[in-house]
C-alpha atoms as a PDB file:
ATOM      1  CA  MET A   1     -94.882 -37.472  22.585  1.00  0.00           C
ATOM      2  CA  LEU A   2     -97.398 -35.893  20.259  1.00  0.00           C
ATOM      3  CA  THR A   3     -99.923 -33.961  22.753  1.00  0.00           C
ATOM      4  CA  ASN A   4     -97.915 -31.306  22.796  1.00  0.00           C
ATOM      5  CA  PRO A   5     -98.512 -28.493  19.910  1.00  0.00           C
ATOM      6  CA  SER A   6     -95.570 -27.165  19.499  1.00  0.00           C
ATOM      7  CA  ARG A   7     -94.392 -31.051  19.489  1.00  0.00           C
ATOM      8  CA  MET A   8     -96.968 -31.519  16.656  1.00  0.00           C
ATOM      9  CA  LEU A   9     -95.570 -28.455  14.452  1.00  0.00           C
ATOM     10  CA  PHE A  10     -91.975 -30.095  14.907  1.00  0.00           C
ATOM     11  CA  MET A  11     -92.869 -33.562  13.563  1.00  0.00           C
ATOM     12  CA  CYS A  12     -95.317 -31.789  10.397  1.00  0.00           C
ATOM     13  CA  THR A  13     -91.633 -29.596   9.962  1.00  0.00           C
ATOM     14  CA  LEU A  14     -89.517 -32.570  10.455  1.00  0.00           C
ATOM     15  CA  MET A  15     -90.899 -35.029   7.990  1.00  0.00           C
ATOM     16  CA  LEU A  16     -90.969 -31.844   5.208  1.00  0.00           C
ATOM     17  CA  GLY A  17     -87.336 -32.081   5.861  1.00  0.00           C
ATOM     18  CA  VAL A  18     -87.122 -35.638   5.075  1.00  0.00           C
ATOM     19  CA  LEU A  19     -89.262 -35.175   2.201  1.00  0.00           C
ATOM     20  CA  ILE A  20     -87.361 -32.209   0.420  1.00  0.00           C
ATOM     21  CA  ALA A  21     -84.274 -33.495   0.900  1.00  0.00           C
ATOM     22  CA  ILE A  22     -84.670 -36.729  -0.605  1.00  0.00           C
ATOM     23  CA  SER A  23     -86.950 -35.405  -3.414  1.00  0.00           C
ATOM     24  CA  SER A  24     -84.480 -32.642  -4.175  1.00  0.00           C
ATOM     25  CA  PRO A  25     -82.905 -32.092  -7.044  1.00  0.00           C
ATOM     26  CA  SER A  26     -79.388 -31.115  -5.789  1.00  0.00           C
ATOM     27  CA  TRP A  27     -77.058 -31.561  -3.236  1.00  0.00           C
ATOM     28  CA  PHE A  28     -78.091 -27.953  -1.654  1.00  0.00           C
ATOM     29  CA  THR A  29     -81.751 -28.667  -1.877  1.00  0.00           C
ATOM     30  CA  ALA A  30     -80.373 -31.530   0.026  1.00  0.00           C
ATOM     31  CA  TRP A  31     -78.492 -30.229   2.462  1.00  0.00           C
ATOM     32  CA  ILE A  32     -81.430 -27.508   3.602  1.00  0.00           C
ATOM     33  CA  GLY A  33     -83.722 -30.432   3.936  1.00  0.00           C
ATOM     34  CA  LEU A  34     -81.425 -32.600   6.326  1.00  0.00           C
ATOM     35  CA  GLU A  35     -81.206 -28.828   7.996  1.00  0.00           C
ATOM     36  CA  LEU A  36     -84.799 -28.584   8.801  1.00  0.00           C
ATOM     37  CA  ASN A  37     -85.436 -32.067   9.462  1.00  0.00           C
ATOM     38  CA  LEU A  38     -82.017 -31.673  12.556  1.00  0.00           C
ATOM     39  CA  LEU A  39     -83.625 -28.269  13.330  1.00  0.00           C
ATOM     40  CA  SER A  40     -87.175 -29.717  13.569  1.00  0.00           C
ATOM     41  CA  PHE A  41     -85.948 -32.724  15.516  1.00  0.00           C
ATOM     42  CA  ILE A  42     -83.607 -31.053  18.806  1.00  0.00           C
ATOM     43  CA  PRO A  43     -86.840 -29.112  19.973  1.00  0.00           C
ATOM     44  CA  ILE A  44     -88.699 -32.700  20.208  1.00  0.00           C
ATOM     45  CA  ILE A  45     -85.807 -34.331  22.203  1.00  0.00           C
ATOM     46  CA  SER A  46     -85.338 -31.430  23.934  1.00  0.00           C
ATOM     47  CA  SER A  47     -86.425 -30.715  27.880  1.00  0.00           C
ATOM     48  CA  LYS A  48     -86.237 -28.341  30.772  1.00  0.00           C
ATOM     49  CA  LEU A  49     -87.494 -31.202  32.871  1.00  0.00           C
ATOM     50  CA  ASN A  50     -84.829 -33.757  31.803  1.00  0.00           C
ATOM     51  CA  MET A  51     -81.056 -32.915  31.580  1.00  0.00           C
ATOM     52  CA  TYR A  52     -79.928 -36.164  29.834  1.00  0.00           C
ATOM     53  CA  ALA A  53     -82.558 -35.175  27.269  1.00  0.00           C
ATOM     54  CA  ALA A  54     -81.016 -32.170  26.832  1.00  0.00           C
ATOM     55  CA  GLU A  55     -78.070 -33.446  27.041  1.00  0.00           C
ATOM     56  CA  ALA A  56     -78.696 -35.549  24.302  1.00  0.00           C
ATOM     57  CA  ALA A  57     -80.319 -32.956  21.920  1.00  0.00           C
ATOM     58  CA  LEU A  58     -76.611 -31.008  22.502  1.00  0.00           C
ATOM     59  CA  LYS A  59     -74.702 -34.472  20.967  1.00  0.00           C
ATOM     60  CA  TYR A  60     -77.233 -35.192  18.560  1.00  0.00           C
ATOM     61  CA  PHE A  61     -76.604 -31.161  17.038  1.00  0.00           C
ATOM     62  CA  LEU A  62     -73.050 -31.679  17.508  1.00  0.00           C
ATOM     63  CA  ILE A  63     -72.804 -34.462  15.826  1.00  0.00           C
ATOM     64  CA  GLN A  64     -75.296 -33.768  12.908  1.00  0.00           C
ATOM     65  CA  ALA A  65     -73.806 -30.510  12.686  1.00  0.00           C
ATOM     66  CA  LEU A  66     -70.856 -32.141  11.538  1.00  0.00           C
ATOM     67  CA  GLY A  67     -71.706 -34.279   8.696  1.00  0.00           C
ATOM     68  CA  SER A  68     -73.401 -31.040   7.488  1.00  0.00           C
ATOM     69  CA  ALA A  69     -70.239 -28.997   7.750  1.00  0.00           C
ATOM     70  CA  ALA A  70     -68.660 -32.057   5.871  1.00  0.00           C
ATOM     71  CA  ILE A  71     -71.332 -32.402   2.924  1.00  0.00           C
ATOM     72  CA  LEU A  72     -71.008 -28.612   2.853  1.00  0.00           C
ATOM     73  CA  ALA A  73     -66.738 -29.019   2.356  1.00  0.00           C
ATOM     74  CA  SER A  74     -67.331 -31.747  -0.343  1.00  0.00           C
ATOM     75  CA  SER A  75     -68.082 -28.968  -2.583  1.00  0.00           C
ATOM     76  CA  PRO A  76     -64.797 -27.112  -2.380  1.00  0.00           C
ATOM     77  CA  THR A  77     -62.981 -30.360  -3.280  1.00  0.00           C
ATOM     78  CA  LEU A  78     -64.197 -30.733  -6.303  1.00  0.00           C
ATOM     79  CA  LEU A  79     -62.710 -27.396  -7.408  1.00  0.00           C
ATOM     80  CA  LEU A  80     -59.909 -27.226  -5.349  1.00  0.00           C
ATOM     81  CA  PHE A  81     -58.946 -31.024  -5.655  1.00  0.00           C
ATOM     82  CA  ASN A  82     -60.285 -31.767  -9.026  1.00  0.00           C
ATOM     83  CA  SER A  83     -61.645 -35.300  -7.638  1.00  0.00           C
ATOM     84  CA  SER A  84     -65.001 -36.973  -6.869  1.00  0.00           C
ATOM     85  CA  PRO A  85     -66.852 -35.567  -3.608  1.00  0.00           C
ATOM     86  CA  ASN A  86     -68.689 -38.820  -3.223  1.00  0.00           C
ATOM     87  CA  LEU A  87     -66.204 -39.928  -1.167  1.00  0.00           C
ATOM     88  CA  LEU A  88     -66.553 -37.774   1.674  1.00  0.00           C
ATOM     89  CA  ILE A  89     -70.303 -37.013   1.111  1.00  0.00           C
ATOM     90  CA  SER A  90     -71.009 -40.872   2.305  1.00  0.00           C
ATOM     91  CA  ILE A  91     -69.014 -40.638   5.318  1.00  0.00           C
ATOM     92  CA  ALA A  92     -71.321 -37.801   6.230  1.00  0.00           C
ATOM     93  CA  LEU A  93     -74.035 -39.635   5.212  1.00  0.00           C
ATOM     94  CA  LEU A  94     -72.782 -42.395   7.432  1.00  0.00           C
ATOM     95  CA  LEU A  95     -72.151 -40.454  10.336  1.00  0.00           C
ATOM     96  CA  LYS A  96     -75.915 -38.555  10.316  1.00  0.00           C
ATOM     97  CA  MET A  97     -77.444 -41.914  10.522  1.00  0.00           C
ATOM     98  CA  GLY A  98     -75.063 -43.935  13.102  1.00  0.00           C
ATOM     99  CA  ALA A  99     -73.921 -46.340  11.118  1.00  0.00           C
ATOM    100  CA  ALA A 100     -70.253 -47.942  12.161  1.00  0.00           C
ATOM    101  CA  PRO A 101     -67.541 -47.380  12.803  1.00  0.00           C
ATOM    102  CA  LEU A 102     -69.342 -43.757  13.312  1.00  0.00           C
ATOM    103  CA  HIS A 103     -71.879 -44.834  15.381  1.00  0.00           C
ATOM    104  CA  LEU A 104     -70.356 -44.423  18.836  1.00  0.00           C
ATOM    105  CA  TRP A 105     -72.635 -40.702  19.160  1.00  0.00           C
ATOM    106  CA  PHE A 106     -76.328 -43.445  18.590  1.00  0.00           C
ATOM    107  CA  PRO A 107     -76.101 -44.891  21.906  1.00  0.00           C
ATOM    108  CA  PRO A 108     -75.569 -42.478  24.355  1.00  0.00           C
ATOM    109  CA  VAL A 109     -78.010 -40.432  22.545  1.00  0.00           C
ATOM    110  CA  MET A 110     -80.767 -43.448  22.640  1.00  0.00           C
ATOM    111  CA  GLN A 111     -80.109 -43.227  26.247  1.00  0.00           C
ATOM    112  CA  GLY A 112     -81.093 -39.529  26.934  1.00  0.00           C
ATOM    113  CA  ILE A 113     -84.690 -39.293  25.606  1.00  0.00           C
ATOM    114  CA  GLY A 114     -87.749 -41.203  26.143  1.00  0.00           C
ATOM    115  CA  TRP A 115     -89.556 -43.636  24.059  1.00  0.00           C
ATOM    116  CA  GLY A 116     -91.470 -41.427  21.890  1.00  0.00           C
ATOM    117  CA  GLN A 117     -88.363 -40.280  20.612  1.00  0.00           C
ATOM    118  CA  CYS A 118     -86.175 -43.341  20.530  1.00  0.00           C
ATOM    119  CA  ILE A 119     -89.011 -44.280  17.852  1.00  0.00           C
ATOM    120  CA  VAL A 120     -88.314 -41.472  15.072  1.00  0.00           C
ATOM    121  CA  LEU A 121     -84.463 -42.150  15.960  1.00  0.00           C
ATOM    122  CA  MET A 122     -84.749 -45.022  15.123  1.00  0.00           C
ATOM    123  CA  THR A 123     -87.002 -45.250  12.021  1.00  0.00           C
ATOM    124  CA  ILE A 124     -88.007 -41.198  10.411  1.00  0.00           C
ATOM    125  CA  GLN A 125     -83.885 -40.229  11.220  1.00  0.00           C
ATOM    126  CA  LYS A 126     -82.628 -42.760   9.219  1.00  0.00           C
ATOM    127  CA  ILE A 127     -84.712 -42.465   5.724  1.00  0.00           C
ATOM    128  CA  ALA A 128     -83.197 -39.487   4.522  1.00  0.00           C
ATOM    129  CA  PRO A 129     -79.133 -40.443   4.557  1.00  0.00           C
ATOM    130  CA  MET A 130     -80.054 -43.874   3.669  1.00  0.00           C
ATOM    131  CA  LEU A 131     -81.801 -42.377   0.134  1.00  0.00           C
ATOM    132  CA  LEU A 132     -79.200 -40.196  -0.407  1.00  0.00           C
ATOM    133  CA  LEU A 133     -76.364 -42.488   0.182  1.00  0.00           C
ATOM    134  CA  SER A 134     -78.453 -45.036  -2.446  1.00  0.00           C
ATOM    135  CA  TYR A 135     -78.432 -41.993  -5.142  1.00  0.00           C
ATOM    136  CA  HIS A 136     -74.939 -41.911  -6.082  1.00  0.00           C
ATOM    137  CA  ILE A 137     -73.503 -45.519  -6.267  1.00  0.00           C
ATOM    138  CA  ASN A 138     -70.259 -45.824  -7.301  1.00  0.00           C
ATOM    139  CA  SER A 139     -67.292 -48.133  -7.536  1.00  0.00           C
ATOM    140  CA  PRO A 140     -65.452 -46.147  -4.623  1.00  0.00           C
ATOM    141  CA  ILE A 141     -68.549 -45.556  -2.525  1.00  0.00           C
ATOM    142  CA  THR A 142     -69.458 -49.717  -2.905  1.00  0.00           C
ATOM    143  CA  GLU A 143     -66.485 -50.597  -0.921  1.00  0.00           C
ATOM    144  CA  ILE A 144     -67.331 -48.169   1.776  1.00  0.00           C
ATOM    145  CA  ILE A 145     -71.227 -49.569   1.701  1.00  0.00           C
ATOM    146  CA  PHE A 146     -69.800 -52.842   2.046  1.00  0.00           C
ATOM    147  CA  LEU A 147     -67.341 -51.887   4.842  1.00  0.00           C
ATOM    148  CA  SER A 148     -69.632 -50.205   6.860  1.00  0.00           C
ATOM    149  CA  SER A 149     -72.172 -53.413   6.538  1.00  0.00           C
ATOM    150  CA  ILE A 150     -69.606 -55.118   8.027  1.00  0.00           C
ATOM    151  CA  LEU A 151     -68.783 -53.332  10.536  1.00  0.00           C
ATOM    152  CA  SER A 152     -72.416 -52.074  12.149  1.00  0.00           C
ATOM    153  CA  GLY A 153     -73.610 -55.725  12.163  1.00  0.00           C
ATOM    154  CA  LEU A 154     -70.472 -56.822  14.647  1.00  0.00           C
ATOM    155  CA  ALA A 155     -70.631 -53.522  16.590  1.00  0.00           C
ATOM    156  CA  GLY A 156     -74.538 -53.399  17.320  1.00  0.00           C
ATOM    157  CA  GLY A 157     -74.356 -57.187  17.791  1.00  0.00           C
ATOM    158  CA  LEU A 158     -70.888 -57.518  20.247  1.00  0.00           C
ATOM    159  CA  GLY A 159     -71.905 -53.846  21.661  1.00  0.00           C
ATOM    160  CA  GLY A 160     -75.700 -54.941  22.963  1.00  0.00           C
ATOM    161  CA  LEU A 161     -73.946 -58.099  25.068  1.00  0.00           C
ATOM    162  CA  ASN A 162     -72.925 -56.017  27.874  1.00  0.00           C
ATOM    163  CA  GLN A 163     -75.857 -53.997  28.152  1.00  0.00           C
ATOM    164  CA  THR A 164     -78.441 -53.636  31.105  1.00  0.00           C
ATOM    165  CA  LEU A 165     -80.448 -50.359  29.693  1.00  0.00           C
ATOM    166  CA  LEU A 166     -83.261 -50.885  27.610  1.00  0.00           C
ATOM    167  CA  ARG A 167     -82.723 -48.050  25.154  1.00  0.00           C
ATOM    168  CA  LYS A 168     -79.046 -48.776  24.770  1.00  0.00           C
ATOM    169  CA  ILE A 169     -79.782 -52.622  23.784  1.00  0.00           C
ATOM    170  CA  MET A 170     -82.387 -50.829  21.265  1.00  0.00           C
ATOM    171  CA  ALA A 171     -79.559 -48.720  20.118  1.00  0.00           C
ATOM    172  CA  TYR A 172     -77.298 -51.260  19.225  1.00  0.00           C
ATOM    173  CA  SER A 173     -80.032 -53.543  17.795  1.00  0.00           C
ATOM    174  CA  SER A 174     -80.574 -50.645  15.265  1.00  0.00           C
ATOM    175  CA  ILE A 175     -76.619 -50.420  14.415  1.00  0.00           C
ATOM    176  CA  ASN A 176     -77.198 -53.965  13.770  1.00  0.00           C
ATOM    177  CA  HIS A 177     -80.466 -53.461  11.660  1.00  0.00           C
ATOM    178  CA  MET A 178     -78.232 -50.792   9.681  1.00  0.00           C
ATOM    179  CA  ALA A 179     -75.888 -53.261   7.973  1.00  0.00           C
ATOM    180  CA  TRP A 180     -78.826 -54.986   6.661  1.00  0.00           C
ATOM    181  CA  MET A 181     -80.146 -52.343   5.084  1.00  0.00           C
ATOM    182  CA  LEU A 182     -76.779 -50.744   3.849  1.00  0.00           C
ATOM    183  CA  ALA A 183     -76.365 -54.463   2.396  1.00  0.00           C
ATOM    184  CA  ALA A 184     -80.038 -53.733   0.810  1.00  0.00           C
ATOM    185  CA  VAL A 185     -79.161 -50.337  -0.525  1.00  0.00           C
ATOM    186  CA  TYR A 186     -75.915 -52.052  -2.113  1.00  0.00           C
ATOM    187  CA  PHE A 187     -78.609 -53.955  -4.487  1.00  0.00           C
ATOM    188  CA  ASN A 188     -81.138 -52.034  -4.670  1.00  0.00           C
ATOM    189  CA  THR A 189     -83.937 -48.916  -3.331  1.00  0.00           C
ATOM    190  CA  PRO A 190     -86.956 -51.241  -3.458  1.00  0.00           C
ATOM    191  CA  LEU A 191     -85.301 -53.543  -1.486  1.00  0.00           C
ATOM    192  CA  TRP A 192     -84.376 -51.304   1.315  1.00  0.00           C
ATOM    193  CA  THR A 193     -87.343 -49.704   1.312  1.00  0.00           C
ATOM    194  CA  ASN A 194     -89.411 -52.868   2.454  1.00  0.00           C
ATOM    195  CA  TYR A 195     -86.945 -53.787   5.011  1.00  0.00           C
ATOM    196  CA  PHE A 196     -87.041 -50.359   6.454  1.00  0.00           C
ATOM    197  CA  PHE A 197     -90.838 -50.290   6.010  1.00  0.00           C
ATOM    198  CA  ILE A 198     -90.955 -53.815   8.401  1.00  0.00           C
ATOM    199  CA  TYR A 199     -88.123 -52.941  10.568  1.00  0.00           C
ATOM    200  CA  SER A 200     -89.980 -49.857  11.682  1.00  0.00           C
ATOM    201  CA  ILE A 201     -93.415 -51.899  12.764  1.00  0.00           C
ATOM    202  CA  VAL A 202     -91.134 -54.537  14.035  1.00  0.00           C
ATOM    203  CA  SER A 203     -89.393 -52.054  16.471  1.00  0.00           C
ATOM    204  CA  THR A 204     -92.114 -50.260  16.945  1.00  0.00           C
ATOM    205  CA  SER A 205     -94.105 -52.448  18.528  1.00  0.00           C
ATOM    206  CA  VAL A 206     -91.203 -53.605  20.780  1.00  0.00           C
ATOM    207  CA  VAL A 207     -90.703 -50.005  21.881  1.00  0.00           C
ATOM    208  CA  LEU A 208     -94.648 -49.517  22.577  1.00  0.00           C
ATOM    209  CA  ILE A 209     -94.658 -52.075  25.082  1.00  0.00           C
ATOM    210  CA  LEU A 210     -91.912 -50.493  26.798  1.00  0.00           C
ATOM    211  CA  HIS A 211     -93.149 -47.283  26.551  1.00  0.00           C
ATOM    212  CA  GLN A 212     -96.174 -48.097  28.385  1.00  0.00           C
ATOM    213  CA  GLY A 213     -94.798 -50.168  30.888  1.00  0.00           C
ATOM    214  CA  GLN A 214     -92.252 -47.753  31.210  1.00  0.00           C
ATOM    215  CA  ILE A 215     -90.042 -49.703  31.347  1.00  0.00           C
ATOM    216  CA  PHE A 216     -85.746 -48.904  31.323  1.00  0.00           C
ATOM    217  CA  HIS A 217     -83.968 -51.201  32.801  1.00  0.00           C
ATOM    218  CA  PHE A 218     -83.075 -55.110  31.995  1.00  0.00           C
ATOM    219  CA  ASN A 219     -84.099 -55.387  36.038  1.00  0.00           C
ATOM    220  CA  GLN A 220     -87.575 -53.506  34.659  1.00  0.00           C
ATOM    221  CA  THR A 221     -88.079 -56.839  33.007  1.00  0.00           C
ATOM    222  CA  LEU A 222     -88.901 -59.246  35.781  1.00  0.00           C
ATOM    223  CA  SER A 223     -92.069 -57.288  36.236  1.00  0.00           C
ATOM    224  CA  PHE A 224     -93.366 -58.991  33.279  1.00  0.00           C
ATOM    225  CA  SER A 225     -93.268 -62.429  35.314  1.00  0.00           C
ATOM    226  CA  HIS A 226     -96.530 -61.077  37.278  1.00  0.00           C
ATOM    227  CA  GLN A 227     -98.301 -60.043  34.438  1.00  0.00           C
ATOM    228  CA  ASN A 228    -100.600 -61.986  32.377  1.00  0.00           C
ATOM    229  CA  SER A 229     -99.764 -64.556  29.505  1.00  0.00           C
ATOM    230  CA  LEU A 230    -100.991 -62.264  26.509  1.00  0.00           C
ATOM    231  CA  LEU A 231     -98.007 -59.387  27.404  1.00  0.00           C
ATOM    232  CA  LYS A 232     -95.271 -61.853  27.865  1.00  0.00           C
ATOM    233  CA  LEU A 233     -96.486 -63.808  24.319  1.00  0.00           C
ATOM    234  CA  THR A 234     -96.908 -60.263  22.330  1.00  0.00           C
ATOM    235  CA  MET A 235     -93.044 -59.570  24.014  1.00  0.00           C
ATOM    236  CA  LEU A 236     -91.663 -62.650  23.237  1.00  0.00           C
ATOM    237  CA  PHE A 237     -93.025 -62.396  19.126  1.00  0.00           C
ATOM    238  CA  SER A 238     -91.895 -58.834  19.408  1.00  0.00           C
ATOM    239  CA  LEU A 239     -88.643 -59.760  20.106  1.00  0.00           C
ATOM    240  CA  LEU A 240     -88.458 -63.101  17.764  1.00  0.00           C
ATOM    241  CA  SER A 241     -89.852 -60.895  14.826  1.00  0.00           C
ATOM    242  CA  LEU A 242     -86.823 -58.044  15.298  1.00  0.00           C
ATOM    243  CA  GLY A 243     -84.237 -60.993  15.871  1.00  0.00           C
ATOM    244  CA  GLY A 244     -85.962 -62.238  12.344  1.00  0.00           C
ATOM    245  CA  VAL A 245     -86.890 -65.714  13.118  1.00  0.00           C
ATOM    246  CA  PRO A 246     -88.807 -67.194  11.310  1.00  0.00           C
ATOM    247  CA  PRO A 247     -92.309 -67.527  10.668  1.00  0.00           C
ATOM    248  CA  PHE A 248     -92.281 -64.036  12.189  1.00  0.00           C
ATOM    249  CA  LEU A 249     -92.885 -60.772  10.022  1.00  0.00           C
ATOM    250  CA  GLY A 250     -89.235 -59.561  10.436  1.00  0.00           C
ATOM    251  CA  PHE A 251     -87.493 -62.462   8.883  1.00  0.00           C
ATOM    252  CA  LEU A 252     -89.448 -61.650   5.467  1.00  0.00           C
ATOM    253  CA  PRO A 253     -86.369 -58.059   4.674  1.00  0.00           C
ATOM    254  CA  LYS A 254     -83.907 -60.534   6.472  1.00  0.00           C
ATOM    255  CA  MET A 255     -84.360 -63.553   3.846  1.00  0.00           C
ATOM    256  CA  MET A 256     -84.943 -61.188   0.622  1.00  0.00           C
ATOM    257  CA  VAL A 257     -81.649 -59.600   1.380  1.00  0.00           C
ATOM    258  CA  MET A 258     -79.914 -63.047   2.529  1.00  0.00           C
ATOM    259  CA  ASN A 259     -81.189 -63.966  -1.324  1.00  0.00           C
ATOM    260  CA  GLU A 260     -79.506 -61.299  -3.240  1.00  0.00           C
ATOM    261  CA  LEU A 261     -76.777 -61.697  -1.028  1.00  0.00           C
ATOM    262  CA  ALA A 262     -76.347 -65.224  -2.028  1.00  0.00           C
ATOM    263  CA  VAL A 263     -77.573 -64.597  -5.504  1.00  0.00           C
ATOM    264  CA  GLY A 264     -74.833 -61.965  -5.940  1.00  0.00           C
ATOM    265  CA  GLY A 265     -72.221 -64.437  -4.290  1.00  0.00           C
ATOM    266  CA  GLY A 266     -71.621 -62.134  -1.016  1.00  0.00           C
ATOM    267  CA  PHE A 267     -71.315 -65.257   1.347  1.00  0.00           C
ATOM    268  CA  ILE A 268     -68.181 -63.189   3.491  1.00  0.00           C
ATOM    269  CA  TRP A 269     -71.122 -60.489   3.848  1.00  0.00           C
ATOM    270  CA  LEU A 270     -73.734 -62.882   4.341  1.00  0.00           C
ATOM    271  CA  THR A 271     -71.688 -64.654   6.914  1.00  0.00           C
ATOM    272  CA  VAL A 272     -70.870 -61.861   9.050  1.00  0.00           C
ATOM    273  CA  LEU A 273     -74.349 -60.511   8.758  1.00  0.00           C
ATOM    274  CA  LEU A 274     -76.250 -63.867  10.250  1.00  0.00           C
ATOM    275  CA  SER A 275     -73.393 -64.435  12.579  1.00  0.00           C
ATOM    276  CA  SER A 276     -74.274 -61.322  14.035  1.00  0.00           C
ATOM    277  CA  ALA A 277     -77.973 -61.525  14.041  1.00  0.00           C
ATOM    278  CA  LEU A 278     -77.567 -64.440  16.284  1.00  0.00           C
ATOM    279  CA  ILE A 279     -76.054 -62.399  18.766  1.00  0.00           C
ATOM    280  CA  THR A 280     -78.217 -60.026  18.783  1.00  0.00           C
ATOM    281  CA  LEU A 281     -81.150 -62.466  19.330  1.00  0.00           C
ATOM    282  CA  PHE A 282     -79.072 -63.570  22.179  1.00  0.00           C
ATOM    283  CA  TYR A 283     -79.499 -60.397  23.881  1.00  0.00           C
ATOM    284  CA  TYR A 284     -82.972 -60.012  22.394  1.00  0.00           C
ATOM    285  CA  LEU A 285     -84.269 -63.648  23.731  1.00  0.00           C
ATOM    286  CA  ARG A 286     -82.387 -62.509  27.792  1.00  0.00           C
ATOM    287  CA  ILE A 287     -84.609 -59.885  27.903  1.00  0.00           C
ATOM    288  CA  ILE A 288     -88.208 -61.777  28.364  1.00  0.00           C
ATOM    289  CA  MET A 289     -86.553 -65.165  29.349  1.00  0.00           C
ATOM    290  CA  THR A 290     -86.102 -64.732  32.645  1.00  0.00           C
ATOM    291  CA  SER A 291     -89.586 -63.479  33.284  1.00  0.00           C
ATOM    292  CA  LEU A 292     -90.672 -66.728  31.366  1.00  0.00           C
ATOM    293  CA  THR A 293     -88.598 -69.279  33.079  1.00  0.00           C
ATOM    294  CA  ILE A 294     -88.058 -68.130  36.759  1.00  0.00           C
ATOM    295  CA  ALA A 295     -90.667 -66.592  39.608  1.00  0.00           C
ATOM    296  CA  THR A 296     -89.771 -63.690  40.853  1.00  0.00           C
ATOM    297  CA  PRO A 297     -90.835 -61.861  44.181  1.00  0.00           C
ATOM    298  CA  LYS A 298     -93.796 -59.181  43.274  1.00  0.00           C
ATOM    299  CA  MET A 299     -92.488 -56.108  43.137  1.00  0.00           C
ATOM    300  CA  LYS A 300     -94.131 -52.624  44.630  1.00  0.00           C
ATOM    301  CA  VAL A 301     -93.773 -51.000  41.678  1.00  0.00           C
ATOM    302  CA  GLY A 302     -95.301 -53.146  39.049  1.00  0.00           C
ATOM    303  CA  LEU A 303     -95.800 -52.330  35.027  1.00  0.00           C
ATOM    304  CA  ALA A 304     -98.718 -49.855  33.817  1.00  0.00           C
ATOM    305  CA  PRO A 305    -101.414 -51.589  32.709  1.00  0.00           C
ATOM    306  CA  ILE A 306    -101.519 -52.098  28.745  1.00  0.00           C
ATOM    307  CA  SER A 307    -104.390 -52.542  26.941  1.00  0.00           C
ATOM    308  CA  LEU A 308    -105.391 -55.572  25.296  1.00  0.00           C
ATOM    309  CA  PRO A 309    -106.503 -54.548  21.607  1.00  0.00           C
ATOM    310  CA  MET A 310    -103.122 -52.971  21.402  1.00  0.00           C
ATOM    311  CA  LEU A 311    -101.383 -56.485  22.584  1.00  0.00           C
ATOM    312  CA  THR A 312    -103.646 -58.340  20.437  1.00  0.00           C
ATOM    313  CA  THR A 313    -102.718 -56.096  17.352  1.00  0.00           C
ATOM    314  CA  ILE A 314     -99.116 -56.764  18.030  1.00  0.00           C
ATOM    315  CA  SER A 315     -99.235 -60.138  18.286  1.00  0.00           C
ATOM    316  CA  PHE A 316    -101.408 -60.348  14.579  1.00  0.00           C
ATOM    317  CA  ILE A 317     -98.876 -57.711  13.083  1.00  0.00           C
ATOM    318  CA  ASN A 318     -95.546 -60.278  14.103  1.00  0.00           C
ATOM    319  CA  LEU A 319     -97.489 -63.333  12.764  1.00  0.00           C
ATOM    320  CA  ILE A 320     -98.689 -62.180   9.673  1.00  0.00           C
ATOM    321  CA  PRO A 321     -96.724 -64.612   7.702  1.00  0.00           C
ATOM    322  CA  LEU A 322     -98.591 -67.583   9.352  1.00  0.00           C
ATOM    323  CA  ALA A 323    -102.145 -65.740   7.985  1.00  0.00           C
ATOM    324  CA  THR A 324    -101.064 -64.822   4.643  1.00  0.00           C
ATOM    325  CA  PRO A 325     -99.269 -66.939   1.932  1.00  0.00           C
ATOM    326  CA  MET A 326     -95.345 -66.125   2.143  1.00  0.00           C
ATOM    327  CA  SER A 327     -95.471 -65.687  -1.592  1.00  0.00           C
ATOM    328  CA  THR A 328     -97.944 -62.693  -1.977  1.00  0.00           C
ATOM    329  CA  LEU A 329     -94.995 -61.026   0.521  1.00  0.00           C
ATOM    330  CA  ILE A 330     -91.797 -61.938  -0.909  1.00  0.00           C
ATOM    331  CA  PRO A 331     -91.955 -60.422  -4.290  1.00  0.00           C
ATOM    332  CA  PHE A 332     -93.551 -56.782  -2.787  1.00  0.00           C
END
C-alpha cells in the first residue's frame, strides 16, 4: 500500500490530521484535524482500476462529511437553543468511528477496499473520534456510550454470523471490539489506550496473513489445509487472540475491561459484552477449523507463499503472555 510515493504522502497527512485532532485546544481545530484526516484517506482507498474501491471511497466520504457537518451544526445549538452541544458532537463522533447503531456504512466500505486499507480503517481511523469522545464525558454522554457499547457488541456478534466474505467478518469483528473500547473509554483513557494498542497488533497480525495469501472469501480458507503446519497454527493463534481467549495476547485488554466493569458494578454490561465475544469467537473458529479438521481436494490456485520469519513473529507476539509474567503486563 505504501509503495506509491503519493500514498506515503497521504499517510503522513492522515497521521498529521489525527495528531491535530487529538491535541487541539478547541472543537474548531479538532474539526480541521478530522477533515485533514478524511481528505487524506480518500485517495488512499480510491483506485481507478477497482470500481468497488471508488464506490467505497464515495460512501466513506459521504458518511464522514455528514459527521463533520453534525459537529459544525452543534455550534449553533449552543447559541439558538441555549443547550449543550455535547450530545450532537457525541453522535457525530460515533458515526465517524462506525459504532452501533450508526455502523451500517462500515462493512460495505470494508468490503470495497484492500487489506492494507482495511488495517488503517480498523485502527488509525478510530483514534481521533475515540479520544475526542473521551474528552467530554459527562452525565448524558455516559448514557450514550453505554447504549452504543451494548448495541455495538450485539451488532458485531450477530452481524458476522451469516457472512462468508472475510473483509465483512473483520468489519463486524471491529464493531464488536469497539463495544469493548467504548466501555474502556467510559472508565478511563489509559485503559482504552492499552486496549486499542493490543487490538491493533492482533488485528494486524490476522490481516497480514489474509493479505499475504490474498484471501477474501470463506471458501478460500480451505487452501490452508494444503499449507504447512506453522501457517495453520499461526492463523489459529491470531484468531484466538483476536477473540480474547487466554493465554493469548488479546485476552489481556479484555481482562482489564472485565475487571473495571466488575468493580464498577456493570454486570449487565459485562454479560452482554461477554456473550457477544463468544459469538464472535464462533465465527473466528469457523474460518480456520475447516482447514484444520477436513482434508479437501487441492485447488489450482493456492495461497501465495508467506515468509517464515513473519509467521514466527506473529506467533511469538500472540504468545507473549506465556513468555512474560502477566504481572508485568497488566498494570500498563
